[in-house]
Amino acid sequence: MIKKTITAVVAGLAVLVTPAAASASASDTKNLRLRAGLSLIIPRSWKVYKISKDWTRVVTGSCPTVNDEVFGFRDSGCRSFWVLGPSAIEIGHEVFQAYTPDAPFYPATDVGPCVYDANLSVGEMKLAAKALRQIGPGHKAYYRAWSADCVTRNSGKVKGRFTQREWYLPKSKILLVDQWNTQGLSTVLKYATWS
């Protein structure tokens, strides 16, 4: 009886540590090929939009702006993450300076709308986490999580928060930016492949 119980526990643990992308059936996933040989296995329900050469948006849920002219980095309410290349990285900091992991990705000169409410503005962004994270075998990204306030436009009163997560691969010239804490994205990136 004890041997059967231990076997069942070990089997259960094996299921828990199996990557989501590997355990999903092929019909539930699709391959997203990106620059520099990076490929991600993503859920089939995620929609991929190539906005321009170095701006790819992966919509993971509700997105009321998908067919609007405001469908871009600074729109609100679109559950998604971005995969950015060299030209986006070149203008990735405030006042369109080149991106570095020392500050959040924010390609603008003014205050932008909150990611989940266009009636609020993005307030202060503070570094919440800093590490190296695996993006497939043999590739480590500079990982940053920035805690951001959403504030009223007139009074600056904090009405809510979100976290902007970033994975930066400087040699491959790839930056991933997620403002929605996309479920499963960290696992997808960890088990990415390179060709």
N, C-alpha and C. Protein backbone atom coordinates (compact mmCIF):
# COMPACT_ATOMS: atom_id res chain seq x y z
N MET A 1 0.82 -1.20 0.00
CA MET A 1 0.00 0.00 0.00
C MET A 1 0.86 1.25 0.00
N ILE A 2 1.90 1.29 0.84
CA ILE A 2 2.78 2.46 0.89
C ILE A 2 3.48 2.65 -0.45
N LYS A 3 3.92 1.55 -1.08
CA LYS A 3 4.59 1.63 -2.37
C LYS A 3 3.67 2.23 -3.43
N LYS A 4 2.38 1.82 -3.43
CA LYS A 4 1.40 2.36 -4.39
C LYS A 4 1.18 3.86 -4.14
N THR A 5 1.10 4.26 -2.88
CA THR A 5 0.90 5.68 -2.54
C THR A 5 2.08 6.52 -3.00
N ILE A 6 3.30 6.05 -2.75
CA ILE A 6 4.49 6.79 -3.19
C ILE A 6 4.53 6.89 -4.70
N THR A 7 4.20 5.79 -5.41
CA THR A 7 4.17 5.81 -6.86
C THR A 7 3.17 6.83 -7.37
N ALA A 8 1.99 6.90 -6.76
CA ALA A 8 0.96 7.85 -7.17
C ALA A 8 1.41 9.29 -6.94
N VAL A 9 2.07 9.55 -5.81
CA VAL A 9 2.56 10.90 -5.51
C VAL A 9 3.62 11.31 -6.52
N VAL A 10 4.56 10.42 -6.83
CA VAL A 10 5.61 10.72 -7.81
C VAL A 10 5.00 11.00 -9.18
N ALA A 11 4.03 10.20 -9.58
CA ALA A 11 3.35 10.42 -10.87
C ALA A 11 2.66 11.77 -10.89
N GLY A 12 2.01 12.12 -9.77
CA GLY A 12 1.34 13.42 -9.69
C GLY A 12 2.32 14.57 -9.79
N LEU A 13 3.46 14.45 -9.13
CA LEU A 13 4.49 15.50 -9.21
C LEU A 13 5.04 15.61 -10.62
N ALA A 14 5.20 14.51 -11.33
CA ALA A 14 5.70 14.55 -12.70
C ALA A 14 4.76 15.33 -13.60
N VAL A 15 3.46 15.16 -13.39
CA VAL A 15 2.48 15.92 -14.18
C VAL A 15 2.59 17.41 -13.87
N LEU A 16 2.79 17.76 -12.60
CA LEU A 16 2.88 19.18 -12.22
C LEU A 16 4.08 19.88 -12.82
N VAL A 17 5.21 19.17 -13.00
CA VAL A 17 6.40 19.83 -13.51
C VAL A 17 6.54 19.75 -15.02
N THR A 18 5.65 19.05 -15.69
CA THR A 18 5.70 18.99 -17.15
C THR A 18 5.29 20.35 -17.71
N PRO A 19 6.06 20.90 -18.64
CA PRO A 19 5.69 22.22 -19.18
C PRO A 19 4.33 22.18 -19.87
N ALA A 20 3.58 23.27 -19.70
CA ALA A 20 2.24 23.35 -20.27
C ALA A 20 2.27 23.16 -21.78
N ALA A 21 3.24 23.77 -22.44
CA ALA A 21 3.33 23.66 -23.90
C ALA A 21 3.56 22.22 -24.33
N ALA A 22 4.35 21.48 -23.58
CA ALA A 22 4.66 20.10 -23.95
C ALA A 22 3.49 19.17 -23.66
N SER A 23 2.69 19.46 -22.64
CA SER A 23 1.62 18.55 -22.27
C SER A 23 0.33 18.82 -23.06
N ALA A 24 0.21 19.96 -23.67
CA ALA A 24 -0.99 20.26 -24.46
C ALA A 24 -0.95 19.48 -25.77
N SER A 25 -2.11 19.13 -26.27
CA SER A 25 -2.13 18.41 -27.55
C SER A 25 -1.78 19.37 -28.68
N ALA A 26 -1.30 18.80 -29.78
CA ALA A 26 -0.87 19.61 -30.92
C ALA A 26 -2.01 20.46 -31.47
N SER A 27 -3.25 19.98 -31.37
CA SER A 27 -4.38 20.75 -31.90
C SER A 27 -4.71 21.96 -31.04
N ASP A 28 -4.22 21.99 -29.79
CA ASP A 28 -4.49 23.10 -28.89
C ASP A 28 -3.43 24.20 -28.97
N THR A 29 -2.33 23.94 -29.68
CA THR A 29 -1.22 24.89 -29.74
C THR A 29 -0.82 25.18 -31.18
N LYS A 30 -0.01 26.21 -31.31
CA LYS A 30 0.57 26.54 -32.62
C LYS A 30 1.97 27.09 -32.39
N ASN A 31 2.77 27.07 -33.43
CA ASN A 31 4.15 27.53 -33.36
C ASN A 31 4.21 28.98 -33.84
N LEU A 32 4.82 29.82 -33.04
CA LEU A 32 5.03 31.23 -33.42
C LEU A 32 6.51 31.42 -33.66
N ARG A 33 6.90 31.59 -34.91
CA ARG A 33 8.30 31.81 -35.27
C ARG A 33 8.58 33.31 -35.25
N LEU A 34 9.67 33.65 -34.54
CA LEU A 34 10.03 35.05 -34.38
C LEU A 34 11.43 35.28 -34.94
N ARG A 35 11.97 36.43 -34.75
CA ARG A 35 13.29 36.77 -35.27
C ARG A 35 14.40 35.98 -34.59
N ALA A 36 15.54 35.93 -35.21
CA ALA A 36 16.76 35.31 -34.67
C ALA A 36 16.60 33.83 -34.35
N GLY A 37 15.63 33.16 -34.98
CA GLY A 37 15.44 31.73 -34.78
C GLY A 37 14.62 31.35 -33.57
N LEU A 38 14.02 32.31 -32.87
CA LEU A 38 13.21 32.03 -31.69
C LEU A 38 11.82 31.54 -32.11
N SER A 39 11.39 30.44 -31.51
CA SER A 39 10.04 29.91 -31.73
C SER A 39 9.36 29.65 -30.40
N LEU A 40 8.09 30.01 -30.32
CA LEU A 40 7.29 29.79 -29.12
C LEU A 40 6.12 28.88 -29.47
N ILE A 41 5.82 27.94 -28.59
CA ILE A 41 4.61 27.13 -28.72
C ILE A 41 3.55 27.83 -27.87
N ILE A 42 2.52 28.37 -28.55
CA ILE A 42 1.51 29.16 -27.85
C ILE A 42 0.13 28.52 -28.02
N PRO A 43 -0.81 28.82 -27.13
CA PRO A 43 -2.17 28.32 -27.31
C PRO A 43 -2.76 28.79 -28.64
N ARG A 44 -3.49 27.92 -29.29
CA ARG A 44 -4.11 28.24 -30.58
C ARG A 44 -5.06 29.44 -30.45
N SER A 45 -5.63 29.65 -29.27
CA SER A 45 -6.58 30.76 -29.06
C SER A 45 -5.90 32.13 -29.09
N TRP A 46 -4.58 32.19 -28.89
CA TRP A 46 -3.87 33.46 -28.95
C TRP A 46 -3.75 33.90 -30.40
N LYS A 47 -4.07 35.14 -30.68
CA LYS A 47 -4.03 35.69 -32.04
C LYS A 47 -2.78 36.55 -32.23
N VAL A 48 -2.10 36.37 -33.34
CA VAL A 48 -0.84 37.07 -33.61
C VAL A 48 -1.07 38.14 -34.67
N TYR A 49 -0.65 39.37 -34.38
CA TYR A 49 -0.76 40.49 -35.31
C TYR A 49 0.62 41.09 -35.53
N LYS A 50 1.09 41.04 -36.76
CA LYS A 50 2.37 41.69 -37.09
C LYS A 50 2.02 43.12 -37.48
N ILE A 51 2.26 44.04 -36.56
CA ILE A 51 1.90 45.44 -36.77
C ILE A 51 2.86 46.08 -37.78
N SER A 52 4.14 45.81 -37.60
CA SER A 52 5.17 46.22 -38.54
C SER A 52 6.35 45.27 -38.34
N LYS A 53 7.44 45.50 -39.05
CA LYS A 53 8.57 44.57 -39.03
C LYS A 53 9.01 44.18 -37.62
N ASP A 54 9.12 45.12 -36.72
CA ASP A 54 9.64 44.85 -35.38
C ASP A 54 8.62 45.02 -34.26
N TRP A 55 7.34 45.00 -34.61
CA TRP A 55 6.27 45.13 -33.62
C TRP A 55 5.25 44.02 -33.87
N THR A 56 5.31 42.96 -33.05
CA THR A 56 4.35 41.86 -33.14
C THR A 56 3.55 41.83 -31.84
N ARG A 57 2.24 41.81 -31.98
CA ARG A 57 1.36 41.77 -30.82
C ARG A 57 0.66 40.42 -30.76
N VAL A 58 0.72 39.79 -29.60
CA VAL A 58 0.05 38.51 -29.39
C VAL A 58 -1.12 38.77 -28.44
N VAL A 59 -2.32 38.69 -28.98
CA VAL A 59 -3.54 38.95 -28.22
C VAL A 59 -3.97 37.66 -27.54
N THR A 60 -4.09 37.71 -26.22
CA THR A 60 -4.33 36.51 -25.43
C THR A 60 -5.73 36.45 -24.82
N GLY A 61 -6.54 37.46 -25.06
CA GLY A 61 -7.89 37.52 -24.49
C GLY A 61 -8.70 38.60 -25.16
N SER A 62 -9.56 39.23 -24.39
CA SER A 62 -10.42 40.29 -24.90
C SER A 62 -9.58 41.45 -25.46
N CYS A 63 -10.01 41.96 -26.62
CA CYS A 63 -9.28 43.08 -27.22
C CYS A 63 -10.23 43.93 -28.06
N PRO A 64 -10.92 44.89 -27.43
CA PRO A 64 -11.88 45.71 -28.16
C PRO A 64 -11.26 46.61 -29.22
N THR A 65 -9.96 46.84 -29.17
CA THR A 65 -9.32 47.75 -30.13
C THR A 65 -8.69 47.03 -31.32
N VAL A 66 -8.90 45.71 -31.45
CA VAL A 66 -8.18 44.93 -32.45
C VAL A 66 -8.33 45.47 -33.88
N ASN A 67 -9.44 46.02 -34.24
CA ASN A 67 -9.63 46.55 -35.60
C ASN A 67 -9.68 48.08 -35.65
N ASP A 68 -9.32 48.71 -34.54
CA ASP A 68 -9.35 50.17 -34.47
C ASP A 68 -8.02 50.78 -34.92
N GLU A 69 -8.05 52.05 -35.21
CA GLU A 69 -6.82 52.77 -35.55
C GLU A 69 -5.93 52.96 -34.33
N VAL A 70 -6.46 52.78 -33.12
CA VAL A 70 -5.67 52.93 -31.90
C VAL A 70 -5.04 51.62 -31.45
N PHE A 71 -5.10 50.58 -32.28
CA PHE A 71 -4.55 49.26 -31.94
C PHE A 71 -3.04 49.34 -31.94
N GLY A 72 -2.49 49.72 -30.79
CA GLY A 72 -1.05 49.90 -30.68
C GLY A 72 -0.60 49.78 -29.25
N PHE A 73 0.66 50.10 -29.01
CA PHE A 73 1.22 49.91 -27.68
C PHE A 73 0.49 50.71 -26.61
N ARG A 74 -0.06 51.86 -26.97
CA ARG A 74 -0.67 52.74 -25.98
C ARG A 74 -2.19 52.66 -25.94
N ASP A 75 -2.78 51.61 -26.47
CA ASP A 75 -4.23 51.49 -26.34
C ASP A 75 -4.57 50.84 -25.00
N SER A 76 -5.83 50.83 -24.63
CA SER A 76 -6.26 50.28 -23.34
C SER A 76 -7.23 49.12 -23.55
N GLY A 77 -7.16 48.15 -22.66
CA GLY A 77 -8.15 47.08 -22.64
C GLY A 77 -7.86 45.88 -23.51
N CYS A 78 -6.72 45.84 -24.20
CA CYS A 78 -6.39 44.73 -25.09
C CYS A 78 -5.43 43.79 -24.37
N ARG A 79 -5.94 42.64 -23.94
CA ARG A 79 -5.10 41.65 -23.24
C ARG A 79 -4.13 41.04 -24.23
N SER A 80 -2.85 41.37 -24.03
CA SER A 80 -1.86 40.96 -25.02
C SER A 80 -0.45 41.15 -24.47
N PHE A 81 0.51 40.69 -25.25
CA PHE A 81 1.91 41.02 -24.98
C PHE A 81 2.57 41.33 -26.32
N TRP A 82 3.72 41.97 -26.25
CA TRP A 82 4.42 42.41 -27.45
C TRP A 82 5.75 41.68 -27.59
N VAL A 83 6.11 41.37 -28.84
CA VAL A 83 7.44 40.87 -29.17
C VAL A 83 8.05 41.93 -30.08
N LEU A 84 9.12 42.55 -29.62
CA LEU A 84 9.69 43.72 -30.30
C LEU A 84 11.09 43.42 -30.81
N GLY A 85 11.41 44.02 -31.95
CA GLY A 85 12.73 43.85 -32.56
C GLY A 85 13.54 45.13 -32.53
N PRO A 86 14.63 45.19 -33.31
CA PRO A 86 15.60 46.29 -33.23
C PRO A 86 15.03 47.71 -33.36
N SER A 87 14.15 47.96 -34.33
CA SER A 87 13.67 49.34 -34.50
C SER A 87 12.80 49.78 -33.33
N ALA A 88 12.06 48.85 -32.71
CA ALA A 88 11.27 49.20 -31.52
C ALA A 88 12.18 49.42 -30.32
N ILE A 89 13.21 48.59 -30.19
CA ILE A 89 14.15 48.72 -29.08
C ILE A 89 14.90 50.05 -29.17
N GLU A 90 15.19 50.50 -30.38
CA GLU A 90 15.91 51.78 -30.58
C GLU A 90 15.16 52.99 -30.04
N ILE A 91 13.83 52.90 -29.93
CA ILE A 91 13.03 54.03 -29.46
C ILE A 91 12.28 53.68 -28.17
N GLY A 92 12.75 52.69 -27.41
CA GLY A 92 12.00 52.10 -26.32
C GLY A 92 11.95 52.83 -25.00
N HIS A 93 12.65 53.94 -24.87
CA HIS A 93 12.57 54.70 -23.62
C HIS A 93 11.91 56.04 -23.88
N GLU A 94 11.49 56.66 -22.78
CA GLU A 94 10.88 57.97 -22.87
C GLU A 94 11.73 58.91 -23.72
N VAL A 95 11.09 59.77 -24.46
CA VAL A 95 11.70 60.70 -25.40
C VAL A 95 12.40 59.92 -26.52
N PHE A 96 11.93 58.70 -26.77
CA PHE A 96 12.38 57.85 -27.88
C PHE A 96 13.87 57.54 -27.86
N GLN A 97 14.42 57.37 -26.66
CA GLN A 97 15.81 56.93 -26.50
C GLN A 97 15.86 55.41 -26.61
N ALA A 98 17.04 54.85 -26.86
CA ALA A 98 17.20 53.41 -26.98
C ALA A 98 16.88 52.71 -25.66
N TYR A 99 16.21 51.57 -25.75
CA TYR A 99 15.84 50.79 -24.58
C TYR A 99 17.07 50.16 -23.92
N THR A 100 17.08 50.16 -22.61
CA THR A 100 17.98 49.35 -21.78
C THR A 100 17.12 48.80 -20.65
N PRO A 101 17.53 47.72 -20.00
CA PRO A 101 16.72 47.19 -18.90
C PRO A 101 16.76 48.03 -17.63
N ASP A 102 17.42 49.19 -17.68
CA ASP A 102 17.50 50.07 -16.52
C ASP A 102 16.23 50.88 -16.26
N ALA A 103 15.33 50.92 -17.24
CA ALA A 103 14.07 51.66 -17.11
C ALA A 103 13.01 50.92 -17.92
N PRO A 104 11.73 51.14 -17.60
CA PRO A 104 10.68 50.41 -18.32
C PRO A 104 10.57 50.82 -19.78
N PHE A 105 10.12 49.87 -20.61
CA PHE A 105 9.85 50.17 -22.01
C PHE A 105 8.69 51.16 -22.04
N TYR A 106 8.92 52.32 -22.64
CA TYR A 106 7.89 53.36 -22.72
C TYR A 106 8.26 54.30 -23.86
N PRO A 107 7.89 53.95 -25.10
CA PRO A 107 8.26 54.76 -26.25
C PRO A 107 7.32 55.95 -26.46
N ALA A 108 7.51 56.99 -25.69
CA ALA A 108 6.62 58.15 -25.78
C ALA A 108 7.29 59.37 -25.17
N THR A 109 6.63 60.51 -25.38
CA THR A 109 7.12 61.75 -24.77
C THR A 109 6.10 62.32 -23.81
N ASP A 110 4.94 61.67 -23.69
CA ASP A 110 3.89 62.19 -22.82
C ASP A 110 3.40 61.08 -21.89
N VAL A 111 2.39 61.38 -21.12
CA VAL A 111 1.80 60.41 -20.21
C VAL A 111 0.80 59.56 -20.99
N GLY A 112 0.93 58.25 -20.88
CA GLY A 112 0.06 57.35 -21.62
C GLY A 112 -1.13 56.89 -20.81
N PRO A 113 -2.10 56.28 -21.51
CA PRO A 113 -3.28 55.75 -20.81
C PRO A 113 -2.94 54.47 -20.05
N CYS A 114 -3.67 54.22 -18.99
CA CYS A 114 -3.54 52.99 -18.22
C CYS A 114 -3.90 51.81 -19.13
N VAL A 115 -3.24 50.69 -18.97
CA VAL A 115 -3.45 49.55 -19.87
C VAL A 115 -4.86 48.99 -19.79
N TYR A 116 -5.52 49.13 -18.66
CA TYR A 116 -6.86 48.54 -18.53
C TYR A 116 -7.99 49.57 -18.50
N ASP A 117 -7.67 50.87 -18.50
CA ASP A 117 -8.71 51.91 -18.45
C ASP A 117 -8.20 53.18 -19.12
N ALA A 118 -8.75 53.51 -20.27
CA ALA A 118 -8.31 54.67 -21.04
C ALA A 118 -8.60 55.99 -20.33
N ASN A 119 -9.46 55.97 -19.31
CA ASN A 119 -9.78 57.19 -18.56
C ASN A 119 -8.76 57.49 -17.47
N LEU A 120 -7.83 56.56 -17.24
CA LEU A 120 -6.76 56.76 -16.27
C LEU A 120 -5.43 56.88 -17.00
N SER A 121 -4.44 57.43 -16.34
CA SER A 121 -3.10 57.57 -16.92
C SER A 121 -2.11 56.68 -16.18
N VAL A 122 -1.03 56.35 -16.86
CA VAL A 122 0.04 55.61 -16.21
C VAL A 122 0.79 56.58 -15.30
N GLY A 123 0.92 56.20 -14.05
CA GLY A 123 1.65 57.02 -13.09
C GLY A 123 3.07 56.50 -12.94
N GLU A 124 3.57 56.56 -11.73
CA GLU A 124 4.94 56.14 -11.45
C GLU A 124 5.13 54.64 -11.68
N MET A 125 6.28 54.28 -12.24
CA MET A 125 6.64 52.88 -12.43
C MET A 125 7.89 52.60 -11.61
N LYS A 126 7.82 51.57 -10.74
CA LYS A 126 8.95 51.23 -9.87
C LYS A 126 9.39 49.80 -10.13
N LEU A 127 10.69 49.59 -10.06
CA LEU A 127 11.24 48.25 -10.25
C LEU A 127 10.77 47.34 -9.12
N ALA A 128 10.12 46.22 -9.49
CA ALA A 128 9.59 45.27 -8.50
C ALA A 128 10.38 43.97 -8.49
N ALA A 129 11.01 43.62 -9.62
CA ALA A 129 11.80 42.38 -9.69
C ALA A 129 12.85 42.52 -10.78
N LYS A 130 13.98 41.87 -10.54
CA LYS A 130 15.10 41.94 -11.47
C LYS A 130 15.82 40.59 -11.41
N ALA A 131 16.04 39.96 -12.58
CA ALA A 131 16.68 38.64 -12.61
C ALA A 131 17.12 38.31 -14.03
N LEU A 132 17.75 37.17 -14.16
CA LEU A 132 17.98 36.56 -15.46
C LEU A 132 16.98 35.42 -15.58
N ARG A 133 16.32 35.30 -16.74
CA ARG A 133 15.32 34.24 -16.94
C ARG A 133 15.62 33.49 -18.23
N GLN A 134 15.39 32.19 -18.16
CA GLN A 134 15.63 31.31 -19.31
C GLN A 134 14.60 31.56 -20.40
N ILE A 135 15.10 31.70 -21.64
CA ILE A 135 14.23 31.73 -22.82
C ILE A 135 14.74 30.60 -23.71
N GLY A 136 14.25 29.42 -23.53
CA GLY A 136 14.73 28.26 -24.28
C GLY A 136 16.14 27.89 -23.85
N PRO A 137 16.66 26.81 -24.43
CA PRO A 137 18.00 26.35 -24.04
C PRO A 137 19.09 27.32 -24.49
N GLY A 138 20.00 27.62 -23.58
CA GLY A 138 21.18 28.41 -23.91
C GLY A 138 20.97 29.90 -24.04
N HIS A 139 19.81 30.41 -23.69
CA HIS A 139 19.54 31.85 -23.81
C HIS A 139 18.93 32.37 -22.51
N LYS A 140 19.57 33.36 -21.94
CA LYS A 140 19.05 34.00 -20.73
C LYS A 140 18.71 35.45 -21.06
N ALA A 141 17.56 35.87 -20.58
CA ALA A 141 17.09 37.23 -20.82
C ALA A 141 17.21 38.05 -19.54
N TYR A 142 17.45 39.35 -19.72
CA TYR A 142 17.33 40.28 -18.60
C TYR A 142 15.83 40.42 -18.34
N TYR A 143 15.41 40.01 -17.16
CA TYR A 143 14.00 40.08 -16.79
C TYR A 143 13.81 41.25 -15.82
N ARG A 144 12.77 42.04 -16.08
CA ARG A 144 12.39 43.12 -15.18
C ARG A 144 10.87 43.10 -15.02
N ALA A 145 10.42 43.38 -13.81
CA ALA A 145 9.00 43.59 -13.54
C ALA A 145 8.87 45.00 -12.96
N TRP A 146 8.05 45.81 -13.59
CA TRP A 146 7.85 47.19 -13.16
C TRP A 146 6.43 47.34 -12.62
N SER A 147 6.32 47.76 -11.38
CA SER A 147 5.02 48.01 -10.76
C SER A 147 4.59 49.43 -11.15
N ALA A 148 3.40 49.53 -11.73
CA ALA A 148 2.93 50.82 -12.24
C ALA A 148 1.60 51.21 -11.62
N ASP A 149 1.45 52.49 -11.35
CA ASP A 149 0.19 53.03 -10.85
C ASP A 149 -0.66 53.49 -12.02
N CYS A 150 -1.98 53.36 -11.87
CA CYS A 150 -2.92 54.00 -12.78
C CYS A 150 -3.59 55.11 -11.98
N VAL A 151 -3.51 56.33 -12.50
CA VAL A 151 -3.93 57.50 -11.73
C VAL A 151 -4.97 58.32 -12.50
N THR A 152 -5.75 59.12 -11.73
CA THR A 152 -6.69 60.04 -12.37
C THR A 152 -5.90 61.15 -13.04
N ARG A 153 -6.44 61.66 -14.12
CA ARG A 153 -5.72 62.68 -14.90
C ARG A 153 -5.62 64.01 -14.17
N ASN A 154 -6.66 64.40 -13.47
CA ASN A 154 -6.65 65.72 -12.82
C ASN A 154 -5.92 65.72 -11.48
N SER A 155 -6.24 64.77 -10.62
CA SER A 155 -5.70 64.81 -9.26
C SER A 155 -4.47 63.92 -9.07
N GLY A 156 -4.23 62.98 -9.99
CA GLY A 156 -3.11 62.05 -9.82
C GLY A 156 -3.36 61.01 -8.75
N LYS A 157 -4.62 60.85 -8.33
CA LYS A 157 -4.97 59.87 -7.30
C LYS A 157 -4.85 58.46 -7.87
N VAL A 158 -4.18 57.58 -7.12
CA VAL A 158 -3.99 56.19 -7.56
C VAL A 158 -5.31 55.45 -7.50
N LYS A 159 -5.71 54.87 -8.63
CA LYS A 159 -6.96 54.12 -8.72
C LYS A 159 -6.73 52.63 -8.92
N GLY A 160 -5.52 52.25 -9.27
CA GLY A 160 -5.23 50.84 -9.48
C GLY A 160 -3.77 50.67 -9.88
N ARG A 161 -3.42 49.43 -10.15
CA ARG A 161 -2.03 49.12 -10.51
C ARG A 161 -1.98 48.01 -11.53
N PHE A 162 -0.85 47.91 -12.21
CA PHE A 162 -0.55 46.77 -13.06
C PHE A 162 0.96 46.57 -13.02
N THR A 163 1.40 45.43 -13.51
CA THR A 163 2.82 45.13 -13.57
C THR A 163 3.22 44.95 -15.03
N GLN A 164 4.26 45.63 -15.43
CA GLN A 164 4.81 45.47 -16.78
C GLN A 164 6.04 44.56 -16.67
N ARG A 165 5.93 43.37 -17.29
CA ARG A 165 7.04 42.42 -17.27
C ARG A 165 7.79 42.51 -18.60
N GLU A 166 9.12 42.45 -18.52
CA GLU A 166 9.96 42.58 -19.72
C GLU A 166 11.05 41.51 -19.70
N TRP A 167 11.27 40.89 -20.87
CA TRP A 167 12.36 39.95 -21.08
C TRP A 167 13.18 40.49 -22.24
N TYR A 168 14.45 40.77 -22.02
CA TYR A 168 15.29 41.41 -23.02
C TYR A 168 16.48 40.52 -23.36
N LEU A 169 16.62 40.24 -24.64
CA LEU A 169 17.74 39.46 -25.18
C LEU A 169 18.56 40.39 -26.08
N PRO A 170 19.59 41.05 -25.54
CA PRO A 170 20.31 42.06 -26.33
C PRO A 170 21.04 41.51 -27.55
N LYS A 171 21.61 40.32 -27.47
CA LYS A 171 22.33 39.77 -28.62
C LYS A 171 21.38 39.41 -29.75
N SER A 172 20.21 38.89 -29.41
CA SER A 172 19.20 38.52 -30.42
C SER A 172 18.35 39.71 -30.82
N LYS A 173 18.47 40.82 -30.10
CA LYS A 173 17.68 42.03 -30.34
C LYS A 173 16.17 41.74 -30.28
N ILE A 174 15.78 41.12 -29.16
CA ILE A 174 14.38 40.79 -28.92
C ILE A 174 14.01 41.31 -27.53
N LEU A 175 12.85 41.96 -27.47
CA LEU A 175 12.29 42.43 -26.20
C LEU A 175 10.83 42.00 -26.16
N LEU A 176 10.45 41.29 -25.09
CA LEU A 176 9.06 40.92 -24.87
C LEU A 176 8.51 41.78 -23.75
N VAL A 177 7.34 42.36 -23.96
CA VAL A 177 6.72 43.25 -22.97
C VAL A 177 5.29 42.77 -22.72
N ASP A 178 5.01 42.46 -21.45
CA ASP A 178 3.70 41.96 -21.05
C ASP A 178 3.16 42.84 -19.93
N GLN A 179 2.03 43.51 -20.17
CA GLN A 179 1.42 44.38 -19.18
C GLN A 179 0.20 43.75 -18.52
N TRP A 180 -0.07 42.48 -18.84
CA TRP A 180 -1.29 41.83 -18.37
C TRP A 180 -1.02 40.60 -17.50
N ASN A 181 0.23 40.37 -17.12
CA ASN A 181 0.57 39.18 -16.34
C ASN A 181 -0.03 37.94 -17.01
N THR A 182 0.22 37.81 -18.30
CA THR A 182 -0.36 36.75 -19.12
C THR A 182 -0.06 35.38 -18.53
N GLN A 183 -1.13 34.66 -18.21
CA GLN A 183 -0.99 33.34 -17.61
C GLN A 183 -0.29 32.39 -18.59
N GLY A 184 0.73 31.71 -18.10
CA GLY A 184 1.44 30.73 -18.91
C GLY A 184 2.58 31.29 -19.74
N LEU A 185 2.71 32.61 -19.83
CA LEU A 185 3.75 33.19 -20.69
C LEU A 185 5.15 32.84 -20.20
N SER A 186 5.38 32.89 -18.91
CA SER A 186 6.71 32.55 -18.39
C SER A 186 7.10 31.13 -18.77
N THR A 187 6.16 30.20 -18.71
CA THR A 187 6.43 28.81 -19.09
C THR A 187 6.68 28.70 -20.59
N VAL A 188 5.87 29.38 -21.38
CA VAL A 188 6.07 29.38 -22.84
C VAL A 188 7.48 29.85 -23.18
N LEU A 189 7.94 30.91 -22.53
CA LEU A 189 9.27 31.45 -22.80
C LEU A 189 10.36 30.50 -22.31
N LYS A 190 10.18 29.93 -21.15
CA LYS A 190 11.18 29.01 -20.61
C LYS A 190 11.41 27.83 -21.54
N TYR A 191 10.36 27.34 -22.19
CA TYR A 191 10.47 26.18 -23.07
C TYR A 191 10.48 26.55 -24.55
N ALA A 192 10.89 27.77 -24.86
CA ALA A 192 11.04 28.20 -26.25
C ALA A 192 12.14 27.39 -26.94
N THR A 193 12.16 27.42 -28.26
CA THR A 193 13.21 26.75 -29.01
C THR A 193 13.92 27.76 -29.89
N TRP A 194 15.15 27.42 -30.26
CA TRP A 194 15.97 28.27 -31.14
C TRP A 194 16.47 27.42 -32.29
N SER A 195 16.51 28.02 -33.48
CA SER A 195 17.05 27.27 -34.62
C SER A 195 18.20 28.04 -35.24
